[in-house]
Amino acid sequence: MRRPRFLALAAALALAACAGRPDYFLTPPPAQVDGGRAPAGAVAVADMSLPAYAETVEIAVLTGTGAVQLSKEALWADTPRRAMTRHLVAALQARLATQIATEPWPAYDPPDLRVEVFVDRMIGAPEGPFQFAGQYVIVSPTSGRVVASDRFAISQTAGAGYQGLIDAHARAVESLADQIAARLARAGRAA
């Protein structure tokens, strides 16, 4: 009689332990880009500046009432700042024929340009709208001169679940990479 009770208790404890574990989500690889890669000089990309709610490993979700909720059961597999910055670098590498890396710049020779991204809004909900807005600045690291500065406002529709929301983050960063790559290509031709 004790054995079935013990097995039932053990099974219940095992299920309870599993239920409390969060899921971790990765950004997908950047989408393939059709067409040629535009030339530009070597580019350093600074860590993205994110809003406080977007800096946490808990995935931020915008509720129907406009409140931001941080999920305890769905977490970024990497820090959001690093994940978004690395995704931007990979997306820019697919679009430009040049050396691109995150800061600190790994080479002895300094980069020709530096990109800084200041995000004002990075929020959405599964199966709902995702908003990504802010400003990017392209700077000459040697002179400190601002080469270009533009605001961006990108909207995506998130797919199902938290992975759908993370995929919307990635697609929005790739749209930003399109904008930055176009400006970098023009800056490279003007130099």
N, C-alpha and C. Protein backbone atom coordinates (compact mmCIF):
# COMPACT_ATOMS: atom_id res chain seq x y z
N MET A 1 0.82 -1.19 0.00
CA MET A 1 0.00 0.00 0.00
C MET A 1 0.87 1.26 0.00
N ARG A 2 2.01 1.21 0.67
CA ARG A 2 2.88 2.39 0.73
C ARG A 2 3.53 2.66 -0.62
N ARG A 3 3.84 1.62 -1.35
CA ARG A 3 4.55 1.78 -2.62
C ARG A 3 3.73 2.60 -3.63
N PRO A 4 2.44 2.33 -3.88
CA PRO A 4 1.68 3.16 -4.82
C PRO A 4 1.59 4.61 -4.36
N ARG A 5 1.44 4.85 -3.06
CA ARG A 5 1.37 6.22 -2.56
C ARG A 5 2.70 6.94 -2.78
N PHE A 6 3.78 6.23 -2.51
CA PHE A 6 5.11 6.80 -2.70
C PHE A 6 5.35 7.14 -4.18
N LEU A 7 4.97 6.24 -5.08
CA LEU A 7 5.13 6.49 -6.52
C LEU A 7 4.27 7.66 -6.97
N ALA A 8 3.07 7.78 -6.48
CA ALA A 8 2.19 8.89 -6.83
C ALA A 8 2.78 10.20 -6.34
N LEU A 9 3.31 10.21 -5.12
CA LEU A 9 3.92 11.42 -4.57
C LEU A 9 5.17 11.79 -5.37
N ALA A 10 5.99 10.82 -5.70
CA ALA A 10 7.20 11.07 -6.48
C ALA A 10 6.84 11.63 -7.86
N ALA A 11 5.82 11.08 -8.50
CA ALA A 11 5.39 11.56 -9.82
C ALA A 11 4.86 12.99 -9.72
N ALA A 12 4.09 13.28 -8.69
CA ALA A 12 3.55 14.63 -8.50
C ALA A 12 4.67 15.64 -8.27
N LEU A 13 5.67 15.28 -7.48
CA LEU A 13 6.81 16.18 -7.24
C LEU A 13 7.62 16.40 -8.52
N ALA A 14 7.81 15.36 -9.29
CA ALA A 14 8.54 15.49 -10.55
C ALA A 14 7.80 16.42 -11.52
N LEU A 15 6.50 16.28 -11.62
CA LEU A 15 5.71 17.16 -12.49
C LEU A 15 5.75 18.59 -12.01
N ALA A 16 5.66 18.80 -10.71
CA ALA A 16 5.70 20.15 -10.16
C ALA A 16 7.05 20.79 -10.42
N ALA A 17 8.12 20.03 -10.32
CA ALA A 17 9.45 20.58 -10.57
C ALA A 17 9.61 20.97 -12.04
N CYS A 18 9.07 20.17 -12.94
CA CYS A 18 9.17 20.48 -14.37
C CYS A 18 8.31 21.68 -14.74
N ALA A 19 7.17 21.83 -14.13
CA ALA A 19 6.25 22.91 -14.46
C ALA A 19 6.82 24.27 -14.14
N GLY A 20 7.73 24.36 -13.18
CA GLY A 20 8.28 25.64 -12.76
C GLY A 20 9.46 26.12 -13.58
N ARG A 21 9.93 25.32 -14.52
CA ARG A 21 11.10 25.71 -15.32
C ARG A 21 10.68 26.60 -16.48
N PRO A 22 11.40 27.71 -16.68
CA PRO A 22 11.05 28.59 -17.80
C PRO A 22 11.57 28.04 -19.12
N ASP A 23 11.00 28.52 -20.21
CA ASP A 23 11.49 28.23 -21.55
C ASP A 23 12.41 29.36 -21.96
N TYR A 24 13.49 29.03 -22.67
CA TYR A 24 14.45 30.01 -23.15
C TYR A 24 14.33 30.10 -24.66
N PHE A 25 14.35 31.33 -25.20
CA PHE A 25 14.13 31.54 -26.63
C PHE A 25 15.32 32.24 -27.27
N LEU A 26 15.72 31.74 -28.44
CA LEU A 26 16.80 32.30 -29.24
C LEU A 26 16.24 33.11 -30.39
N THR A 27 16.98 34.12 -30.83
CA THR A 27 16.60 34.80 -32.06
C THR A 27 16.96 33.87 -33.22
N PRO A 28 16.14 33.84 -34.26
CA PRO A 28 16.47 33.00 -35.42
C PRO A 28 17.63 33.62 -36.19
N PRO A 29 18.28 32.85 -37.05
CA PRO A 29 19.32 33.43 -37.90
C PRO A 29 18.71 34.51 -38.80
N PRO A 30 19.51 35.50 -39.20
CA PRO A 30 18.97 36.52 -40.11
C PRO A 30 18.47 35.89 -41.41
N ALA A 31 17.42 36.47 -41.93
CA ALA A 31 16.86 36.00 -43.20
C ALA A 31 17.84 36.27 -44.32
N GLN A 32 17.83 35.43 -45.34
CA GLN A 32 18.68 35.63 -46.50
C GLN A 32 18.25 36.88 -47.24
N VAL A 33 19.22 37.58 -47.81
CA VAL A 33 18.95 38.82 -48.52
C VAL A 33 19.18 38.59 -50.01
N ASP A 34 18.22 38.99 -50.83
CA ASP A 34 18.38 38.89 -52.28
C ASP A 34 19.16 40.10 -52.77
N GLY A 35 19.94 39.90 -53.81
CA GLY A 35 20.67 41.02 -54.40
C GLY A 35 22.09 41.10 -53.91
N GLY A 36 22.82 42.06 -54.47
CA GLY A 36 24.23 42.21 -54.14
C GLY A 36 24.45 42.90 -52.82
N ARG A 37 25.68 42.77 -52.37
CA ARG A 37 26.06 43.42 -51.12
C ARG A 37 26.72 44.76 -51.45
N ALA A 38 26.23 45.81 -50.84
CA ALA A 38 26.73 47.15 -51.12
C ALA A 38 28.09 47.35 -50.45
N PRO A 39 29.01 48.09 -51.12
CA PRO A 39 30.31 48.35 -50.50
C PRO A 39 30.20 49.44 -49.44
N ALA A 40 31.01 49.33 -48.42
CA ALA A 40 31.12 50.35 -47.37
C ALA A 40 32.44 50.12 -46.66
N GLY A 41 32.89 51.10 -45.88
CA GLY A 41 34.12 50.92 -45.11
C GLY A 41 33.86 50.02 -43.91
N ALA A 42 34.92 49.67 -43.19
CA ALA A 42 34.79 48.84 -41.99
C ALA A 42 33.89 49.54 -40.98
N VAL A 43 33.01 48.75 -40.34
CA VAL A 43 31.98 49.32 -39.47
C VAL A 43 31.99 48.64 -38.11
N ALA A 44 32.05 49.45 -37.05
CA ALA A 44 31.89 48.95 -35.68
C ALA A 44 30.46 49.24 -35.25
N VAL A 45 29.85 48.28 -34.57
CA VAL A 45 28.48 48.46 -34.08
C VAL A 45 28.52 48.44 -32.55
N ALA A 46 28.08 49.54 -31.95
CA ALA A 46 28.03 49.63 -30.49
C ALA A 46 26.86 48.81 -29.97
N ASP A 47 26.94 48.39 -28.71
CA ASP A 47 25.81 47.70 -28.08
C ASP A 47 24.58 48.58 -28.18
N MET A 48 23.46 47.98 -28.54
CA MET A 48 22.21 48.73 -28.61
C MET A 48 21.83 49.25 -27.23
N SER A 49 21.30 50.45 -27.20
CA SER A 49 20.74 51.01 -25.98
C SER A 49 19.25 50.68 -25.98
N LEU A 50 18.83 49.88 -25.00
CA LEU A 50 17.44 49.41 -24.93
C LEU A 50 16.71 50.04 -23.75
N PRO A 51 15.37 50.14 -23.83
CA PRO A 51 14.59 50.58 -22.68
C PRO A 51 14.74 49.57 -21.53
N ALA A 52 14.53 50.01 -20.31
CA ALA A 52 14.73 49.16 -19.13
C ALA A 52 13.93 47.87 -19.21
N TYR A 53 12.68 47.95 -19.64
CA TYR A 53 11.85 46.73 -19.70
C TYR A 53 12.38 45.73 -20.72
N ALA A 54 13.11 46.20 -21.73
CA ALA A 54 13.63 45.33 -22.77
C ALA A 54 15.02 44.78 -22.42
N GLU A 55 15.63 45.28 -21.37
CA GLU A 55 16.96 44.83 -20.94
C GLU A 55 16.91 43.54 -20.14
N THR A 56 15.77 43.20 -19.59
CA THR A 56 15.67 42.04 -18.71
C THR A 56 15.64 40.75 -19.51
N VAL A 57 16.04 39.65 -18.89
CA VAL A 57 15.97 38.36 -19.59
C VAL A 57 14.54 37.85 -19.69
N GLU A 58 13.65 38.37 -18.87
CA GLU A 58 12.23 38.02 -19.01
C GLU A 58 11.70 38.72 -20.25
N ILE A 59 10.99 37.99 -21.09
CA ILE A 59 10.46 38.58 -22.31
C ILE A 59 9.32 39.53 -21.96
N ALA A 60 9.45 40.78 -22.43
CA ALA A 60 8.44 41.80 -22.18
C ALA A 60 7.29 41.66 -23.17
N VAL A 61 6.07 41.73 -22.64
CA VAL A 61 4.86 41.61 -23.46
C VAL A 61 3.96 42.80 -23.17
N LEU A 62 3.41 43.42 -24.21
CA LEU A 62 2.47 44.51 -24.06
C LEU A 62 1.07 43.92 -23.97
N THR A 63 0.37 44.21 -22.87
CA THR A 63 -0.98 43.68 -22.67
C THR A 63 -2.00 44.55 -23.38
N GLY A 64 -3.23 44.09 -23.45
CA GLY A 64 -4.32 44.84 -24.07
C GLY A 64 -4.62 46.14 -23.37
N THR A 65 -4.27 46.25 -22.08
CA THR A 65 -4.50 47.49 -21.32
C THR A 65 -3.35 48.47 -21.46
N GLY A 66 -2.29 48.08 -22.19
CA GLY A 66 -1.14 48.96 -22.35
C GLY A 66 -0.06 48.74 -21.31
N ALA A 67 -0.26 47.81 -20.41
CA ALA A 67 0.75 47.51 -19.39
C ALA A 67 1.83 46.59 -19.98
N VAL A 68 3.04 46.76 -19.49
CA VAL A 68 4.14 45.88 -19.88
C VAL A 68 4.29 44.81 -18.81
N GLN A 69 4.22 43.56 -19.24
CA GLN A 69 4.40 42.45 -18.31
C GLN A 69 5.67 41.70 -18.68
N LEU A 70 6.43 41.31 -17.67
CA LEU A 70 7.64 40.52 -17.87
C LEU A 70 7.31 39.07 -17.56
N SER A 71 7.52 38.21 -18.53
CA SER A 71 7.17 36.80 -18.38
C SER A 71 8.19 36.07 -17.52
N LYS A 72 7.72 35.32 -16.55
CA LYS A 72 8.61 34.49 -15.73
C LYS A 72 8.82 33.12 -16.36
N GLU A 73 7.93 32.73 -17.28
CA GLU A 73 8.06 31.41 -17.89
C GLU A 73 8.68 31.43 -19.28
N ALA A 74 8.94 32.63 -19.84
CA ALA A 74 9.56 32.76 -21.15
C ALA A 74 10.70 33.76 -21.05
N LEU A 75 11.92 33.27 -21.26
CA LEU A 75 13.12 34.10 -21.09
C LEU A 75 13.95 34.11 -22.37
N TRP A 76 14.69 35.21 -22.54
CA TRP A 76 15.68 35.26 -23.61
C TRP A 76 16.78 34.25 -23.28
N ALA A 77 17.31 33.56 -24.28
CA ALA A 77 18.41 32.62 -24.06
C ALA A 77 19.73 33.37 -23.93
N ASP A 78 19.76 34.62 -24.32
CA ASP A 78 20.93 35.49 -24.21
C ASP A 78 20.42 36.82 -23.65
N THR A 79 21.30 37.72 -23.28
CA THR A 79 20.80 39.03 -22.85
C THR A 79 20.21 39.72 -24.09
N PRO A 80 19.08 40.40 -23.93
CA PRO A 80 18.46 41.04 -25.10
C PRO A 80 19.40 42.02 -25.81
N ARG A 81 20.18 42.79 -25.05
CA ARG A 81 21.10 43.76 -25.66
C ARG A 81 22.09 43.03 -26.57
N ARG A 82 22.69 41.98 -26.08
CA ARG A 82 23.67 41.22 -26.87
C ARG A 82 22.98 40.53 -28.05
N ALA A 83 21.84 39.91 -27.81
CA ALA A 83 21.13 39.19 -28.88
C ALA A 83 20.75 40.14 -30.01
N MET A 84 20.21 41.30 -29.69
CA MET A 84 19.78 42.25 -30.72
C MET A 84 20.98 42.87 -31.43
N THR A 85 22.04 43.19 -30.69
CA THR A 85 23.24 43.77 -31.31
C THR A 85 23.88 42.76 -32.25
N ARG A 86 24.04 41.52 -31.81
CA ARG A 86 24.66 40.49 -32.65
C ARG A 86 23.78 40.19 -33.88
N HIS A 87 22.46 40.25 -33.70
CA HIS A 87 21.57 40.03 -34.85
C HIS A 87 21.71 41.17 -35.85
N LEU A 88 21.85 42.40 -35.37
CA LEU A 88 22.06 43.53 -36.27
C LEU A 88 23.37 43.38 -37.02
N VAL A 89 24.43 42.99 -36.34
CA VAL A 89 25.73 42.79 -36.99
C VAL A 89 25.62 41.73 -38.08
N ALA A 90 25.00 40.60 -37.78
CA ALA A 90 24.84 39.54 -38.78
C ALA A 90 24.01 40.00 -39.97
N ALA A 91 22.96 40.76 -39.70
CA ALA A 91 22.11 41.28 -40.78
C ALA A 91 22.87 42.29 -41.64
N LEU A 92 23.68 43.14 -41.02
CA LEU A 92 24.49 44.09 -41.79
C LEU A 92 25.55 43.36 -42.61
N GLN A 93 26.14 42.31 -42.05
CA GLN A 93 27.13 41.53 -42.81
C GLN A 93 26.52 40.92 -44.06
N ALA A 94 25.27 40.53 -43.99
CA ALA A 94 24.59 39.95 -45.15
C ALA A 94 24.29 41.00 -46.21
N ARG A 95 24.28 42.27 -45.82
CA ARG A 95 23.88 43.34 -46.73
C ARG A 95 25.04 44.18 -47.24
N LEU A 96 26.18 44.12 -46.59
CA LEU A 96 27.31 44.98 -46.95
C LEU A 96 28.57 44.16 -47.21
N ALA A 97 29.36 44.59 -48.18
CA ALA A 97 30.62 43.92 -48.50
C ALA A 97 31.75 44.62 -47.73
N THR A 98 31.81 44.38 -46.43
CA THR A 98 32.83 45.02 -45.61
C THR A 98 33.00 44.26 -44.29
N GLN A 99 33.98 44.67 -43.52
CA GLN A 99 34.16 44.11 -42.19
C GLN A 99 33.20 44.81 -41.24
N ILE A 100 32.47 44.01 -40.47
CA ILE A 100 31.53 44.56 -39.49
C ILE A 100 31.70 43.74 -38.22
N ALA A 101 31.81 44.42 -37.10
CA ALA A 101 31.95 43.73 -35.82
C ALA A 101 31.38 44.59 -34.71
N THR A 102 31.07 43.93 -33.61
CA THR A 102 30.62 44.68 -32.44
C THR A 102 31.81 45.32 -31.76
N GLU A 103 31.53 46.32 -30.97
CA GLU A 103 32.59 46.90 -30.15
C GLU A 103 32.80 46.02 -28.93
N PRO A 104 33.99 45.96 -28.39
CA PRO A 104 35.17 46.70 -28.84
C PRO A 104 35.69 46.17 -30.17
N TRP A 105 36.17 47.10 -31.02
CA TRP A 105 36.65 46.76 -32.34
C TRP A 105 37.85 45.82 -32.20
N PRO A 106 37.81 44.66 -32.87
CA PRO A 106 38.86 43.65 -32.66
C PRO A 106 40.15 43.87 -33.43
N ALA A 107 40.16 44.76 -34.41
CA ALA A 107 41.33 44.94 -35.26
C ALA A 107 42.22 46.08 -34.77
N TYR A 108 43.45 46.07 -35.24
CA TYR A 108 44.40 47.13 -34.88
C TYR A 108 43.99 48.45 -35.53
N ASP A 109 43.70 48.40 -36.84
CA ASP A 109 43.26 49.61 -37.53
C ASP A 109 41.84 49.93 -37.11
N PRO A 110 41.54 51.21 -36.83
CA PRO A 110 40.17 51.56 -36.39
C PRO A 110 39.18 51.40 -37.53
N PRO A 111 37.91 51.24 -37.18
CA PRO A 111 36.88 51.14 -38.23
C PRO A 111 36.70 52.50 -38.91
N ASP A 112 36.13 52.46 -40.10
CA ASP A 112 35.85 53.70 -40.83
C ASP A 112 34.64 54.42 -40.25
N LEU A 113 33.66 53.63 -39.79
CA LEU A 113 32.43 54.21 -39.25
C LEU A 113 31.99 53.41 -38.03
N ARG A 114 31.19 54.06 -37.21
CA ARG A 114 30.64 53.44 -36.01
C ARG A 114 29.13 53.67 -36.02
N VAL A 115 28.36 52.62 -35.73
CA VAL A 115 26.90 52.71 -35.69
C VAL A 115 26.44 52.57 -34.24
N GLU A 116 25.61 53.50 -33.82
CA GLU A 116 24.99 53.44 -32.50
C GLU A 116 23.48 53.43 -32.69
N VAL A 117 22.79 52.56 -31.95
CA VAL A 117 21.34 52.45 -32.04
C VAL A 117 20.75 52.69 -30.66
N PHE A 118 19.82 53.65 -30.60
CA PHE A 118 19.13 54.00 -29.36
C PHE A 118 17.66 53.62 -29.54
N VAL A 119 17.24 52.59 -28.83
CA VAL A 119 15.88 52.08 -28.98
C VAL A 119 14.97 52.73 -27.94
N ASP A 120 13.89 53.34 -28.41
CA ASP A 120 12.90 53.95 -27.53
C ASP A 120 11.78 52.97 -27.18
N ARG A 121 11.48 52.08 -28.14
CA ARG A 121 10.34 51.17 -27.96
C ARG A 121 10.66 49.85 -28.64
N MET A 122 10.53 48.76 -27.90
CA MET A 122 10.75 47.41 -28.43
C MET A 122 9.79 46.49 -27.68
N ILE A 123 8.55 46.43 -28.15
CA ILE A 123 7.51 45.75 -27.38
C ILE A 123 6.42 45.22 -28.32
N GLY A 124 5.80 44.14 -27.90
CA GLY A 124 4.70 43.58 -28.67
C GLY A 124 4.05 42.46 -27.89
N ALA A 125 3.27 41.67 -28.58
CA ALA A 125 2.57 40.55 -27.97
C ALA A 125 2.47 39.42 -28.99
N PRO A 126 2.50 38.16 -28.52
CA PRO A 126 2.32 37.06 -29.46
C PRO A 126 1.01 37.23 -30.24
N GLU A 127 1.09 36.97 -31.54
CA GLU A 127 -0.04 37.10 -32.45
C GLU A 127 -0.64 38.51 -32.45
N GLY A 128 0.21 39.48 -32.21
CA GLY A 128 -0.23 40.87 -32.20
C GLY A 128 0.83 41.77 -32.79
N PRO A 129 0.63 43.07 -32.67
CA PRO A 129 1.61 43.99 -33.23
C PRO A 129 2.90 44.03 -32.39
N PHE A 130 4.01 44.22 -33.09
CA PHE A 130 5.30 44.43 -32.45
C PHE A 130 5.83 45.76 -32.94
N GLN A 131 6.28 46.60 -32.02
CA GLN A 131 6.77 47.94 -32.36
C GLN A 131 8.23 48.08 -31.98
N PHE A 132 9.01 48.61 -32.92
CA PHE A 132 10.45 48.79 -32.74
C PHE A 132 10.77 50.19 -33.26
N ALA A 133 11.13 51.09 -32.36
CA ALA A 133 11.34 52.49 -32.76
C ALA A 133 12.50 53.08 -31.98
N GLY A 134 13.14 54.06 -32.60
CA GLY A 134 14.25 54.74 -31.95
C GLY A 134 15.02 55.57 -32.95
N GLN A 135 16.34 55.59 -32.79
CA GLN A 135 17.21 56.39 -33.63
C GLN A 135 18.53 55.67 -33.82
N TYR A 136 19.09 55.78 -35.02
CA TYR A 136 20.46 55.30 -35.20
C TYR A 136 21.33 56.47 -35.64
N VAL A 137 22.59 56.39 -35.25
CA VAL A 137 23.56 57.44 -35.56
C VAL A 137 24.80 56.76 -36.14
N ILE A 138 25.29 57.30 -37.24
CA ILE A 138 26.52 56.81 -37.85
C ILE A 138 27.58 57.89 -37.64
N VAL A 139 28.69 57.50 -37.01
CA VAL A 139 29.71 58.45 -36.59
C VAL A 139 31.06 58.04 -37.17
N SER A 140 31.88 59.03 -37.50
CA SER A 140 33.27 58.78 -37.86
C SER A 140 34.05 58.69 -36.55
N PRO A 141 34.64 57.53 -36.24
CA PRO A 141 35.34 57.42 -34.96
C PRO A 141 36.61 58.27 -34.87
N THR A 142 37.20 58.60 -36.00
CA THR A 142 38.43 59.40 -35.96
C THR A 142 38.14 60.88 -35.72
N SER A 143 37.11 61.41 -36.37
CA SER A 143 36.80 62.84 -36.21
C SER A 143 35.69 63.10 -35.19
N GLY A 144 34.88 62.07 -34.92
CA GLY A 144 33.73 62.27 -34.03
C GLY A 144 32.55 62.92 -34.74
N ARG A 145 32.68 63.16 -36.04
CA ARG A 145 31.64 63.80 -36.83
C ARG A 145 30.48 62.84 -37.07
N VAL A 146 29.25 63.34 -36.94
CA VAL A 146 28.07 62.55 -37.24
C VAL A 146 27.91 62.53 -38.76
N VAL A 147 27.96 61.34 -39.33
CA VAL A 147 27.83 61.16 -40.77
C VAL A 147 26.36 61.09 -41.17
N ALA A 148 25.55 60.43 -40.34
CA ALA A 148 24.12 60.31 -40.60
C ALA A 148 23.41 60.02 -39.29
N SER A 149 22.17 60.47 -39.23
CA SER A 149 21.34 60.21 -38.06
C SER A 149 19.89 60.18 -38.52
N ASP A 150 19.22 59.08 -38.24
CA ASP A 150 17.83 58.94 -38.65
C ASP A 150 17.01 58.27 -37.56
N ARG A 151 15.75 58.63 -37.50
CA ARG A 151 14.82 57.94 -36.61
C ARG A 151 14.22 56.77 -37.38
N PHE A 152 13.80 55.74 -36.67
CA PHE A 152 13.14 54.60 -37.31
C PHE A 152 11.92 54.22 -36.49
N ALA A 153 10.92 53.73 -37.18
CA ALA A 153 9.70 53.19 -36.57
C ALA A 153 9.27 52.01 -37.42
N ILE A 154 9.46 50.82 -36.88
CA ILE A 154 9.21 49.59 -37.62
C ILE A 154 8.13 48.80 -36.90
N SER A 155 7.14 48.34 -37.65
CA SER A 155 6.06 47.52 -37.09
C SER A 155 6.07 46.16 -37.76
N GLN A 156 5.84 45.14 -36.98
CA GLN A 156 5.74 43.77 -37.45
C GLN A 156 4.52 43.13 -36.80
N THR A 157 4.04 42.05 -37.36
CA THR A 157 3.01 41.27 -36.71
C THR A 157 3.67 40.01 -36.18
N ALA A 158 3.57 39.80 -34.88
CA ALA A 158 4.20 38.65 -34.25
C ALA A 158 3.40 37.39 -34.54
N GLY A 159 4.10 36.29 -34.63
CA GLY A 159 3.45 35.00 -34.82
C GLY A 159 2.98 34.44 -33.49
N ALA A 160 2.60 33.19 -33.51
CA ALA A 160 2.04 32.53 -32.32
C ALA A 160 3.11 32.28 -31.27
N GLY A 161 2.74 32.46 -30.03
CA GLY A 161 3.60 32.15 -28.89
C GLY A 161 4.78 33.09 -28.74
N TYR A 162 5.60 32.76 -27.74
CA TYR A 162 6.77 33.60 -27.49
C TYR A 162 7.78 33.52 -28.62
N GLN A 163 7.93 32.35 -29.26
CA GLN A 163 8.86 32.26 -30.39
C GLN A 163 8.40 33.18 -31.52
N GLY A 164 7.10 33.30 -31.74
CA GLY A 164 6.59 34.23 -32.73
C GLY A 164 6.94 35.68 -32.40
N LEU A 165 6.91 36.01 -31.11
CA LEU A 165 7.28 37.36 -30.68
C LEU A 165 8.78 37.60 -30.87
N ILE A 166 9.61 36.61 -30.53
CA ILE A 166 11.06 36.74 -30.74
C ILE A 166 11.38 36.85 -32.22
N ASP A 167 10.67 36.09 -33.05
CA ASP A 167 10.88 36.19 -34.50
C ASP A 167 10.54 37.60 -34.99
N ALA A 168 9.52 38.24 -34.43
CA ALA A 168 9.17 39.61 -34.81
C ALA A 168 10.29 40.58 -34.41
N HIS A 169 10.91 40.35 -33.25
CA HIS A 169 12.08 41.15 -32.85
C HIS A 169 13.15 41.06 -33.94
N ALA A 170 13.45 39.83 -34.36
CA ALA A 170 14.50 39.60 -35.35
C ALA A 170 14.17 40.26 -36.68
N ARG A 171 12.95 40.10 -37.16
CA ARG A 171 12.55 40.71 -38.44
C ARG A 171 12.63 42.24 -38.37
N ALA A 172 12.28 42.81 -37.23
CA ALA A 172 12.36 44.27 -37.08
C ALA A 172 13.81 44.74 -37.13
N VAL A 173 14.71 44.00 -36.48
CA VAL A 173 16.13 44.35 -36.52
C VAL A 173 16.66 44.23 -37.94
N GLU A 174 16.19 43.24 -38.69
CA GLU A 174 16.61 43.09 -40.08
C GLU A 174 16.10 44.25 -40.94
N SER A 175 14.90 44.74 -40.67
CA SER A 175 14.39 45.92 -41.38
C SER A 175 15.25 47.14 -41.05
N LEU A 176 15.65 47.26 -39.79
CA LEU A 176 16.56 48.35 -39.41
C LEU A 176 17.89 48.19 -40.14
N ALA A 177 18.39 46.97 -40.26
CA ALA A 177 19.65 46.72 -40.98
C ALA A 177 19.53 47.18 -42.43
N ASP A 178 18.36 46.98 -43.06
CA ASP A 178 18.15 47.48 -44.43
C ASP A 178 18.35 48.99 -44.49
N GLN A 179 17.76 49.70 -43.53
CA GLN A 179 17.87 51.16 -43.50
C GLN A 179 19.32 51.61 -43.26
N ILE A 180 19.96 51.00 -42.29
CA ILE A 180 21.34 51.38 -41.95
C ILE A 180 22.29 51.03 -43.11
N ALA A 181 22.11 49.85 -43.72
CA ALA A 181 22.98 49.46 -44.84
C ALA A 181 22.86 50.44 -46.00
N ALA A 182 21.66 50.91 -46.30
CA ALA A 182 21.48 51.89 -47.37
C ALA A 182 22.23 53.18 -47.04
N ARG A 183 22.14 53.63 -45.80
CA ARG A 183 22.86 54.85 -45.40
C ARG A 183 24.36 54.64 -45.40
N LEU A 184 24.83 53.48 -44.94
CA LEU A 184 26.27 53.19 -44.95
C LEU A 184 26.81 53.12 -46.37
N ALA A 185 26.04 52.54 -47.27
CA ALA A 185 26.47 52.44 -48.67
C ALA A 185 26.61 53.85 -49.27
N ARG A 186 25.63 54.72 -48.96
CA ARG A 186 25.73 56.11 -49.46
C ARG A 186 26.92 56.82 -48.82
N ALA A 187 27.15 56.60 -47.54
CA ALA A 187 28.27 57.22 -46.84
C ALA A 187 29.60 56.72 -47.42
N GLY A 188 29.66 55.43 -47.78
CA GLY A 188 30.87 54.85 -48.36
C GLY A 188 31.17 55.43 -49.73
N ARG A 189 30.12 55.70 -50.54
CA ARG A 189 30.32 56.30 -51.86
C ARG A 189 30.72 57.76 -51.75
N ALA A 190 30.25 58.44 -50.70
CA ALA A 190 30.57 59.86 -50.54
C ALA A 190 31.98 60.07 -50.03
N ALA A 191 32.54 59.04 -49.38
CA ALA A 191 33.88 59.19 -48.79
C ALA A 191 34.96 59.14 -49.84
